[in-house]
Amino acid sequence: MEEIRTVTTKDMLTVYVYGEIDHHSAKGIRTQIDRYILMQKPSSVRLELSGVTFMDSSGLGLIMGRYALCTDVGCSLCVLNPTDAVARIIFMAGLEKIVPIERTQK
């Protein structure tokens, strides 16, 4: 089961995503994240993906869509701490050339 949790500090929104991101869950996750971005209008958004156990191409779409929304509202987006499996998908798609990937955990 997927879920998200958010933490806002100053003007930064960090969204912790847990569980699976696939075609069944992506729409609900996307809707929740968009609501937070549009309500809070942060200067930066971080998608923390260390709790994601599975991600398919729907997850790539989720990231790209949040990148587009962030660009539209004038904030930046980065992906934090993707698991090795998630990072592999991101790098295979070349998404790291558009959305920065940061690792704060070992």
Protein backbone atom coordinates (compact mmCIF):
# COMPACT_ATOMS: atom_id res chain seq x y z
CA MET A 1 0.00 0.00 0.00
CA GLU A 2 1.33 3.40 -0.98
CA GLU A 3 1.20 6.53 1.10
CA ILE A 4 2.85 9.89 1.37
CA ARG A 5 3.90 12.11 4.23
CA THR A 6 4.98 15.73 3.92
CA VAL A 7 7.27 17.96 5.91
CA THR A 8 7.55 21.68 5.27
CA THR A 9 10.49 23.70 6.55
CA LYS A 10 10.74 27.36 5.61
CA ASP A 11 9.81 27.32 1.94
CA MET A 12 10.84 23.73 1.19
CA LEU A 13 8.33 20.91 0.82
CA THR A 14 9.65 17.37 1.30
CA VAL A 15 7.31 14.60 0.19
CA TYR A 16 8.10 11.12 1.54
CA VAL A 17 6.63 8.43 -0.68
CA TYR A 18 6.20 4.88 0.63
CA GLY A 19 5.18 1.65 -1.04
CA GLU A 20 4.70 1.05 -4.75
CA ILE A 21 4.40 3.57 -7.56
CA ASP A 22 2.63 1.85 -10.41
CA HIS A 23 -0.34 2.56 -12.66
CA HIS A 24 -2.74 1.75 -9.81
CA SER A 25 -1.22 4.12 -7.26
CA ALA A 26 0.33 6.93 -9.32
CA LYS A 27 -2.86 8.94 -9.78
CA GLY A 28 -3.62 9.12 -6.06
CA ILE A 29 -0.03 9.99 -5.17
CA ARG A 30 0.07 12.63 -7.91
CA THR A 31 -3.17 14.22 -6.72
CA GLN A 32 -1.94 14.48 -3.14
CA ILE A 33 1.45 15.92 -4.08
CA ASP A 34 -0.09 18.46 -6.47
CA ARG A 35 -2.47 19.63 -3.78
CA TYR A 36 0.42 20.32 -1.40
CA ILE A 37 2.46 22.12 -4.07
CA LEU A 38 -0.45 24.33 -5.12
CA MET A 39 -1.51 25.13 -1.54
CA GLN A 40 1.95 25.80 -0.11
CA LYS A 41 3.70 27.23 -3.18
CA PRO A 42 7.19 26.31 -1.86
CA SER A 43 10.39 27.47 -3.54
CA SER A 44 11.60 23.87 -3.70
CA VAL A 45 10.07 20.40 -3.60
CA ARG A 46 11.96 17.24 -2.70
CA LEU A 47 10.54 13.80 -3.51
CA GLU A 48 12.06 11.43 -0.94
CA LEU A 49 11.90 7.94 -2.43
CA SER A 50 13.85 5.78 0.01
CA GLY A 51 10.59 4.12 1.08
CA VAL A 52 9.51 3.15 -2.44
CA THR A 53 9.58 -0.63 -2.80
CA PHE A 54 8.64 -0.76 -6.50
CA MET A 55 8.36 1.75 -9.33
CA ASP A 56 7.49 1.28 -12.98
CA SER A 57 7.15 3.81 -15.80
CA SER A 58 4.18 5.36 -14.00
CA GLY A 59 6.68 6.57 -11.41
CA LEU A 60 8.73 8.23 -14.13
CA GLY A 61 5.55 9.97 -15.28
CA LEU A 62 4.83 10.99 -11.71
CA ILE A 63 8.27 12.58 -11.36
CA MET A 64 8.11 14.30 -14.76
CA GLY A 65 4.62 15.64 -14.08
CA ARG A 66 5.71 17.10 -10.72
CA TYR A 67 8.72 18.63 -12.50
CA ALA A 68 6.37 20.30 -15.00
CA LEU A 69 4.08 21.55 -12.22
CA CYS A 70 7.01 22.89 -10.22
CA THR A 71 8.32 24.67 -13.29
CA ASP A 72 4.87 26.19 -13.89
CA VAL A 73 4.57 27.51 -10.32
CA GLY A 74 8.19 28.67 -10.11
CA CYS A 75 9.81 26.16 -7.79
CA SER A 76 12.53 23.56 -8.18
CA LEU A 77 12.22 19.78 -7.83
CA CYS A 78 14.74 17.13 -6.86
CA VAL A 79 14.55 13.43 -6.06
CA LEU A 80 16.09 12.35 -2.76
CA ASN A 81 17.47 8.97 -1.78
CA PRO A 82 15.95 6.71 -4.42
CA THR A 83 16.44 3.03 -3.74
CA ASP A 84 18.88 1.27 -6.07
CA ALA A 85 16.02 -0.21 -8.10
CA VAL A 86 14.27 3.16 -8.44
CA ALA A 87 17.54 4.92 -9.31
CA ARG A 88 18.19 2.33 -12.00
CA ILE A 89 14.87 3.14 -13.69
CA ILE A 90 15.50 6.89 -13.41
CA PHE A 91 18.96 6.57 -14.96
CA MET A 92 17.80 4.17 -17.70
CA ALA A 93 15.24 6.79 -18.74
CA GLY A 94 17.81 9.62 -18.56
CA LEU A 95 15.58 11.51 -16.13
CA GLU A 96 18.56 12.52 -13.97
CA LYS A 97 19.54 14.91 -16.79
CA ILE A 98 16.36 16.89 -16.09
CA VAL A 99 15.58 16.31 -12.41
CA PRO A 100 18.49 16.37 -9.94
CA ILE A 101 19.03 13.24 -7.85
CA GLU A 102 20.45 13.73 -4.36
CA ARG A 103 21.56 11.16 -1.82
CA THR A 104 21.60 12.19 1.83
CA GLN A 105 21.62 8.60 3.13
CA LYS A 106 24.24 5.91 2.69
